[in-house]
Amino acid sequence: MPVHTYGWEGYHSKVNSYSSFMVPAPAISEFLNLTYQNHSPELYDSLGEKATSYLRRDHGNLHLSKLMYLRQDYWRSI
């Protein structure tokens, strides 16, 4: 799935305190009408149901794992 890394640093705005996470490409998010809630990197559908999950695990200086998950029912609509 095409993804976009959200990288707005926190010093630009106190509203954006969480940075450097992956989200579906903007065109996908717009097509599926996904939105943010509660300053979380997760995206939600129009019914308020969680549509994505973002996992990040730091394994030390050289290794960083990232995973972006989109609910399976959305794959059918893309």
PDB file of N, CA and C in Angstrom:
ATOM      1  N   MET A   1       0.842  -1.169   0.000  1.00  0.00           N
ATOM      2  CA  MET A   1       0.000   0.000   0.000  1.00  0.00           C
ATOM      3  C   MET A   1       0.890   1.235   0.000  1.00  0.00           C
ATOM      4  N   PRO A   2       0.639   2.195  -0.851  1.00  0.00           N
ATOM      5  CA  PRO A   2       1.404   3.436  -0.802  1.00  0.00           C
ATOM      6  C   PRO A   2       1.158   4.160   0.523  1.00  0.00           C
ATOM      7  N   VAL A   3       2.238   4.559   1.156  1.00  0.00           N
ATOM      8  CA  VAL A   3       2.135   5.264   2.427  1.00  0.00           C
ATOM      9  C   VAL A   3       2.889   6.583   2.357  1.00  0.00           C
ATOM     10  N   HIS A   4       2.583   7.421   3.303  1.00  0.00           N
ATOM     11  CA  HIS A   4       3.198   8.735   3.430  1.00  0.00           C
ATOM     12  C   HIS A   4       3.677   8.850   4.875  1.00  0.00           C
ATOM     13  N   THR A   5       4.869   9.368   5.077  1.00  0.00           N
ATOM     14  CA  THR A   5       5.365   9.559   6.439  1.00  0.00           C
ATOM     15  C   THR A   5       5.042  10.966   6.895  1.00  0.00           C
ATOM     16  N   TYR A   6       4.303  11.046   7.973  1.00  0.00           N
ATOM     17  CA  TYR A   6       3.971  12.332   8.577  1.00  0.00           C
ATOM     18  C   TYR A   6       5.164  12.750   9.424  1.00  0.00           C
ATOM     19  N   GLY A   7       5.806  13.856   9.080  1.00  0.00           N
ATOM     20  CA  GLY A   7       7.033  14.227   9.761  1.00  0.00           C
ATOM     21  C   GLY A   7       7.067  15.654  10.275  1.00  0.00           C
ATOM     22  N   TRP A   8       5.935  16.204  10.643  1.00  0.00           N
ATOM     23  CA  TRP A   8       5.891  17.570  11.161  1.00  0.00           C
ATOM     24  C   TRP A   8       6.460  17.593  12.565  1.00  0.00           C
ATOM     25  N   GLU A   9       7.534  18.338  12.785  1.00  0.00           N
ATOM     26  CA  GLU A   9       8.175  18.384  14.095  1.00  0.00           C
ATOM     27  C   GLU A   9       7.317  19.134  15.111  1.00  0.00           C
ATOM     28  N   GLY A  10       7.384  18.707  16.365  1.00  0.00           N
ATOM     29  CA  GLY A  10       6.566  19.277  17.420  1.00  0.00           C
ATOM     30  C   GLY A  10       6.837  20.739  17.709  1.00  0.00           C
ATOM     31  N   TYR A  11       8.039  21.226  17.406  1.00  0.00           N
ATOM     32  CA  TYR A  11       8.332  22.627  17.714  1.00  0.00           C
ATOM     33  C   TYR A  11       7.590  23.589  16.790  1.00  0.00           C
ATOM     34  N   HIS A  12       7.012  23.088  15.683  1.00  0.00           N
ATOM     35  CA  HIS A  12       6.234  23.951  14.794  1.00  0.00           C
ATOM     36  C   HIS A  12       4.866  24.292  15.389  1.00  0.00           C
ATOM     37  N   SER A  13       4.325  23.373  16.176  1.00  0.00           N
ATOM     38  CA  SER A  13       3.005  23.584  16.746  1.00  0.00           C
ATOM     39  C   SER A  13       2.809  22.639  17.928  1.00  0.00           C
ATOM     40  N   LYS A  14       2.234  23.136  19.001  1.00  0.00           N
ATOM     41  CA  LYS A  14       1.953  22.288  20.166  1.00  0.00           C
ATOM     42  C   LYS A  14       0.857  21.279  19.866  1.00  0.00           C
ATOM     43  N   VAL A  15       0.056  21.529  18.831  1.00  0.00           N
ATOM     44  CA  VAL A  15      -1.000  20.606  18.447  1.00  0.00           C
ATOM     45  C   VAL A  15      -0.410  19.332  17.858  1.00  0.00           C
ATOM     46  N   ASN A  16       0.731  19.447  17.199  1.00  0.00           N
ATOM     47  CA  ASN A  16       1.369  18.308  16.542  1.00  0.00           C
ATOM     48  C   ASN A  16       2.496  17.753  17.397  1.00  0.00           C
ATOM     49  N   SER A  17       2.166  17.164  18.529  1.00  0.00           N
ATOM     50  CA  SER A  17       3.203  16.665  19.424  1.00  0.00           C
ATOM     51  C   SER A  17       3.694  15.275  19.024  1.00  0.00           C
ATOM     52  N   TYR A  18       2.967  14.567  18.172  1.00  0.00           N
ATOM     53  CA  TYR A  18       3.368  13.233  17.758  1.00  0.00           C
ATOM     54  C   TYR A  18       3.763  13.295  16.296  1.00  0.00           C
ATOM     55  N   SER A  19       4.948  12.821  15.949  1.00  0.00           N
ATOM     56  CA  SER A  19       5.456  12.972  14.598  1.00  0.00           C
ATOM     57  C   SER A  19       6.156  11.706  14.144  1.00  0.00           C
ATOM     58  N   SER A  20       6.470  11.659  12.872  1.00  0.00           N
ATOM     59  CA  SER A  20       7.232  10.584  12.242  1.00  0.00           C
ATOM     60  C   SER A  20       6.487   9.248  12.300  1.00  0.00           C
ATOM     61  N   PHE A  21       5.272   9.232  11.765  1.00  0.00           N
ATOM     62  CA  PHE A  21       4.513   7.993  11.653  1.00  0.00           C
ATOM     63  C   PHE A  21       3.968   7.868  10.233  1.00  0.00           C
ATOM     64  N   MET A  22       3.619   6.654   9.845  1.00  0.00           N
ATOM     65  CA  MET A  22       3.137   6.391   8.505  1.00  0.00           C
ATOM     66  C   MET A  22       1.613   6.436   8.463  1.00  0.00           C
ATOM     67  N   VAL A  23       1.102   6.938   7.366  1.00  0.00           N
ATOM     68  CA  VAL A  23      -0.329   6.950   7.091  1.00  0.00           C
ATOM     69  C   VAL A  23      -0.526   6.525   5.637  1.00  0.00           C
ATOM     70  N   PRO A  24      -1.724   6.054   5.277  1.00  0.00           N
ATOM     71  CA  PRO A  24      -1.966   5.765   3.861  1.00  0.00           C
ATOM     72  C   PRO A  24      -1.728   7.025   3.036  1.00  0.00           C
ATOM     73  N   ALA A  25      -1.334   6.839   1.788  1.00  0.00           N
ATOM     74  CA  ALA A  25      -1.121   7.981   0.899  1.00  0.00           C
ATOM     75  C   ALA A  25      -2.352   8.886   0.940  1.00  0.00           C
ATOM     76  N   PRO A  26      -2.157  10.206   0.851  1.00  0.00           N
ATOM     77  CA  PRO A  26      -3.294  11.135   0.937  1.00  0.00           C
ATOM     78  C   PRO A  26      -4.451  10.800   0.000  1.00  0.00           C
ATOM     79  N   ALA A  27      -4.164  10.364  -1.208  1.00  0.00           N
ATOM     80  CA  ALA A  27      -5.247  10.038  -2.147  1.00  0.00           C
ATOM     81  C   ALA A  27      -6.101   8.883  -1.622  1.00  0.00           C
ATOM     82  N   ILE A  28      -5.482   7.902  -0.973  1.00  0.00           N
ATOM     83  CA  ILE A  28      -6.230   6.772  -0.408  1.00  0.00           C
ATOM     84  C   ILE A  28      -7.075   7.240   0.769  1.00  0.00           C
ATOM     85  N   SER A  29      -6.469   8.031   1.653  1.00  0.00           N
ATOM     86  CA  SER A  29      -7.201   8.536   2.819  1.00  0.00           C
ATOM     87  C   SER A  29      -8.411   9.371   2.399  1.00  0.00           C
ATOM     88  N   GLU A  30      -8.226  10.207   1.392  1.00  0.00           N
ATOM     89  CA  GLU A  30      -9.330  11.040   0.913  1.00  0.00           C
ATOM     90  C   GLU A  30     -10.411  10.189   0.263  1.00  0.00           C
ATOM     91  N   PHE A  31     -10.010   9.223  -0.560  1.00  0.00           N
ATOM     92  CA  PHE A  31     -10.968   8.357  -1.243  1.00  0.00           C
ATOM     93  C   PHE A  31     -11.823   7.582  -0.244  1.00  0.00           C
ATOM     94  N   LEU A  32     -11.198   7.118   0.846  1.00  0.00           N
ATOM     95  CA  LEU A  32     -11.905   6.339   1.864  1.00  0.00           C
ATOM     96  C   LEU A  32     -12.532   7.211   2.951  1.00  0.00           C
ATOM     97  N   ASN A  33     -12.332   8.529   2.860  1.00  0.00           N
ATOM     98  CA  ASN A  33     -12.877   9.482   3.823  1.00  0.00           C
ATOM     99  C   ASN A  33     -12.411   9.186   5.255  1.00  0.00           C
ATOM    100  N   LEU A  34     -11.109   8.947   5.411  1.00  0.00           N
ATOM    101  CA  LEU A  34     -10.527   8.644   6.719  1.00  0.00           C
ATOM    102  C   LEU A  34     -10.064   9.934   7.389  1.00  0.00           C
ATOM    103  N   THR A  35     -10.236  10.011   8.694  1.00  0.00           N
ATOM    104  CA  THR A  35      -9.861  11.207   9.448  1.00  0.00           C
ATOM    105  C   THR A  35      -9.137  10.830  10.735  1.00  0.00           C
ATOM    106  N   TYR A  36      -8.468  11.818  11.319  1.00  0.00           N
ATOM    107  CA  TYR A  36      -7.790  11.651  12.608  1.00  0.00           C
ATOM    108  C   TYR A  36      -8.744  11.977  13.747  1.00  0.00           C
ATOM    109  N   GLN A  37      -8.464  11.373  14.910  1.00  0.00           N
ATOM    110  CA  GLN A  37      -9.188  11.701  16.132  1.00  0.00           C
ATOM    111  C   GLN A  37      -8.213  11.670  17.295  1.00  0.00           C
ATOM    112  N   ASN A  38      -8.392  12.544  18.243  1.00  0.00           N
ATOM    113  CA  ASN A  38      -7.649  12.537  19.509  1.00  0.00           C
ATOM    114  C   ASN A  38      -6.128  12.603  19.357  1.00  0.00           C
ATOM    115  N   HIS A  39      -5.626  13.299  18.372  1.00  0.00           N
ATOM    116  CA  HIS A  39      -4.183  13.472  18.172  1.00  0.00           C
ATOM    117  C   HIS A  39      -3.450  12.135  18.146  1.00  0.00           C
ATOM    118  N   SER A  40      -4.020  11.162  17.486  1.00  0.00           N
ATOM    119  CA  SER A  40      -3.457   9.820  17.370  1.00  0.00           C
ATOM    120  C   SER A  40      -3.013   9.590  15.930  1.00  0.00           C
ATOM    121  N   PRO A  41      -2.020   8.735  15.700  1.00  0.00           N
ATOM    122  CA  PRO A  41      -1.631   8.438  14.316  1.00  0.00           C
ATOM    123  C   PRO A  41      -2.622   7.517  13.606  1.00  0.00           C
ATOM    124  N   GLU A  42      -3.615   7.025  14.322  1.00  0.00           N
ATOM    125  CA  GLU A  42      -4.618   6.136  13.721  1.00  0.00           C
ATOM    126  C   GLU A  42      -5.643   6.956  12.938  1.00  0.00           C
ATOM    127  N   LEU A  43      -6.192   6.351  11.882  1.00  0.00           N
ATOM    128  CA  LEU A  43      -7.237   6.984  11.093  1.00  0.00           C
ATOM    129  C   LEU A  43      -8.555   6.256  11.327  1.00  0.00           C
ATOM    130  N   TYR A  44      -9.654   6.996  11.229  1.00  0.00           N
ATOM    131  CA  TYR A  44     -10.982   6.463  11.516  1.00  0.00           C
ATOM    132  C   TYR A  44     -11.913   6.718  10.337  1.00  0.00           C
ATOM    133  N   ASP A  45     -12.912   5.849  10.192  1.00  0.00           N
ATOM    134  CA  ASP A  45     -13.883   6.030   9.120  1.00  0.00           C
ATOM    135  C   ASP A  45     -14.988   6.990   9.557  1.00  0.00           C
ATOM    136  N   SER A  46     -15.965   7.195   8.699  1.00  0.00           N
ATOM    137  CA  SER A  46     -17.025   8.172   8.982  1.00  0.00           C
ATOM    138  C   SER A  46     -17.935   7.740  10.138  1.00  0.00           C
ATOM    139  N   LEU A  47     -17.899   6.470  10.531  1.00  0.00           N
ATOM    140  CA  LEU A  47     -18.689   5.985  11.657  1.00  0.00           C
ATOM    141  C   LEU A  47     -17.908   6.022  12.973  1.00  0.00           C
ATOM    142  N   GLY A  48     -16.650   6.486  12.902  1.00  0.00           N
ATOM    143  CA  GLY A  48     -15.818   6.549  14.097  1.00  0.00           C
ATOM    144  C   GLY A  48     -15.099   5.246  14.407  1.00  0.00           C
ATOM    145  N   GLU A  49     -15.144   4.288  13.481  1.00  0.00           N
ATOM    146  CA  GLU A  49     -14.457   3.014  13.659  1.00  0.00           C
ATOM    147  C   GLU A  49     -13.004   3.133  13.207  1.00  0.00           C
ATOM    148  N   LYS A  50     -12.107   2.514  13.940  1.00  0.00           N
ATOM    149  CA  LYS A  50     -10.686   2.540  13.604  1.00  0.00           C
ATOM    150  C   LYS A  50     -10.462   1.830  12.269  1.00  0.00           C
ATOM    151  N   ALA A  51      -9.805   2.506  11.335  1.00  0.00           N
ATOM    152  CA  ALA A  51      -9.564   1.951  10.009  1.00  0.00           C
ATOM    153  C   ALA A  51      -8.104   1.564   9.795  1.00  0.00           C
ATOM    154  N   THR A  52      -7.187   2.180  10.536  1.00  0.00           N
ATOM    155  CA  THR A  52      -5.769   1.869  10.387  1.00  0.00           C
ATOM    156  C   THR A  52      -5.128   1.627  11.747  1.00  0.00           C
ATOM    157  N   SER A  53      -3.992   0.959  11.700  1.00  0.00           N
ATOM    158  CA  SER A  53      -3.152   0.800  12.885  1.00  0.00           C
ATOM    159  C   SER A  53      -1.715   1.034  12.454  1.00  0.00           C
ATOM    160  N   TYR A  54      -0.989   1.732  13.273  1.00  0.00           N
ATOM    161  CA  TYR A  54       0.412   1.997  12.999  1.00  0.00           C
ATOM    162  C   TYR A  54       1.230   1.464  14.170  1.00  0.00           C
ATOM    163  N   LEU A  55       2.184   0.617  13.854  1.00  0.00           N
ATOM    164  CA  LEU A  55       3.061   0.049  14.880  1.00  0.00           C
ATOM    165  C   LEU A  55       4.502   0.420  14.568  1.00  0.00           C
ATOM    166  N   ARG A  56       5.226   0.764  15.602  1.00  0.00           N
ATOM    167  CA  ARG A  56       6.630   1.139  15.452  1.00  0.00           C
ATOM    168  C   ARG A  56       7.407   0.524  16.606  1.00  0.00           C
ATOM    169  N   ARG A  57       8.523  -0.106  16.275  1.00  0.00           N
ATOM    170  CA  ARG A  57       9.361  -0.703  17.311  1.00  0.00           C
ATOM    171  C   ARG A  57      10.804  -0.347  17.042  1.00  0.00           C
ATOM    172  N   ASP A  58      11.423   0.251  18.041  1.00  0.00           N
ATOM    173  CA  ASP A  58      12.816   0.645  17.943  1.00  0.00           C
ATOM    174  C   ASP A  58      13.674  -0.464  18.539  1.00  0.00           C
ATOM    175  N   HIS A  59      14.578  -1.002  17.730  1.00  0.00           N
ATOM    176  CA  HIS A  59      15.444  -2.101  18.160  1.00  0.00           C
ATOM    177  C   HIS A  59      16.859  -1.620  18.466  1.00  0.00           C
ATOM    178  N   GLY A  60      17.041  -0.347  18.671  1.00  0.00           N
ATOM    179  CA  GLY A  60      18.370   0.194  18.914  1.00  0.00           C
ATOM    180  C   GLY A  60      18.770   1.162  17.824  1.00  0.00           C
ATOM    181  N   ASN A  61      20.030   1.527  17.800  1.00  0.00           N
ATOM    182  CA  ASN A  61      20.519   2.557  16.871  1.00  0.00           C
ATOM    183  C   ASN A  61      20.362   2.199  15.401  1.00  0.00           C
ATOM    184  N   LEU A  62      20.455   0.934  15.061  1.00  0.00           N
ATOM    185  CA  LEU A  62      20.487   0.569  13.646  1.00  0.00           C
ATOM    186  C   LEU A  62      19.198  -0.038  13.112  1.00  0.00           C
ATOM    187  N   HIS A  63      18.262  -0.386  13.966  1.00  0.00           N
ATOM    188  CA  HIS A  63      17.084  -1.100  13.506  1.00  0.00           C
ATOM    189  C   HIS A  63      15.807  -0.439  13.997  1.00  0.00           C
ATOM    190  N   LEU A  64      14.921  -0.196  13.060  1.00  0.00           N
ATOM    191  CA  LEU A  64      13.614   0.376  13.371  1.00  0.00           C
ATOM    192  C   LEU A  64      12.588  -0.336  12.494  1.00  0.00           C
ATOM    193  N   SER A  65      11.561  -0.907  13.093  1.00  0.00           N
ATOM    194  CA  SER A  65      10.505  -1.589  12.347  1.00  0.00           C
ATOM    195  C   SER A  65       9.249  -0.729  12.367  1.00  0.00           C
ATOM    196  N   LYS A  66       8.591  -0.636  11.209  1.00  0.00           N
ATOM    197  CA  LYS A  66       7.339   0.108  11.097  1.00  0.00           C
ATOM    198  C   LYS A  66       6.342  -0.743  10.338  1.00  0.00           C
ATOM    199  N   LEU A  67       5.091  -0.679  10.746  1.00  0.00           N
ATOM    200  CA  LEU A  67       4.026  -1.415  10.078  1.00  0.00           C
ATOM    201  C   LEU A  67       2.792  -0.528   9.998  1.00  0.00           C
ATOM    202  N   MET A  68       2.228  -0.427   8.809  1.00  0.00           N
ATOM    203  CA  MET A  68       0.980   0.300   8.597  1.00  0.00           C
ATOM    204  C   MET A  68      -0.060  -0.723   8.176  1.00  0.00           C
ATOM    205  N   TYR A  69      -1.157  -0.815   8.921  1.00  0.00           N
ATOM    206  CA  TYR A  69      -2.220  -1.775   8.641  1.00  0.00           C
ATOM    207  C   TYR A  69      -3.493  -1.017   8.281  1.00  0.00           C
ATOM    208  N   LEU A  70      -4.128  -1.452   7.204  1.00  0.00           N
ATOM    209  CA  LEU A  70      -5.422  -0.915   6.790  1.00  0.00           C
ATOM    210  C   LEU A  70      -6.434  -2.049   6.868  1.00  0.00           C
ATOM    211  N   ARG A  71      -7.560  -1.791   7.505  1.00  0.00           N
ATOM    212  CA  ARG A  71      -8.586  -2.826   7.663  1.00  0.00           C
ATOM    213  C   ARG A  71      -8.902  -3.503   6.337  1.00  0.00           C
ATOM    214  N   GLN A  72      -9.079  -4.814   6.381  1.00  0.00           N
ATOM    215  CA  GLN A  72      -9.265  -5.611   5.177  1.00  0.00           C
ATOM    216  C   GLN A  72     -10.470  -5.166   4.344  1.00  0.00           C
ATOM    217  N   ASP A  73     -11.563  -4.782   4.982  1.00  0.00           N
ATOM    218  CA  ASP A  73     -12.742  -4.392   4.206  1.00  0.00           C
ATOM    219  C   ASP A  73     -12.492  -3.168   3.340  1.00  0.00           C
ATOM    220  N   TYR A  74     -11.511  -2.358   3.679  1.00  0.00           N
ATOM    221  CA  TYR A  74     -11.183  -1.203   2.838  1.00  0.00           C
ATOM    222  C   TYR A  74     -10.426  -1.605   1.579  1.00  0.00           C
ATOM    223  N   TRP A  75      -9.681  -2.689   1.620  1.00  0.00           N
ATOM    224  CA  TRP A  75      -8.959  -3.144   0.438  1.00  0.00           C
ATOM    225  C   TRP A  75      -9.920  -3.436  -0.703  1.00  0.00           C
ATOM    226  N   ARG A  76     -11.093  -3.920  -0.382  1.00  0.00           N
ATOM    227  CA  ARG A  76     -12.075  -4.255  -1.413  1.00  0.00           C
ATOM    228  C   ARG A  76     -12.623  -3.009  -2.100  1.00  0.00           C
ATOM    229  N   SER A  77     -12.573  -1.872  -1.426  1.00  0.00           N
ATOM    230  CA  SER A  77     -13.150  -0.650  -2.006  1.00  0.00           C
ATOM    231  C   SER A  77     -12.138   0.191  -2.775  1.00  0.00           C
ATOM    232  N   ILE A  78     -10.859  -0.177  -2.685  1.00  0.00           N
ATOM    233  CA  ILE A  78      -9.828   0.609  -3.385  1.00  0.00           C
ATOM    234  C   ILE A  78      -9.732   0.138  -4.815  1.00  0.00           C
TER     235      ILE A  78
END
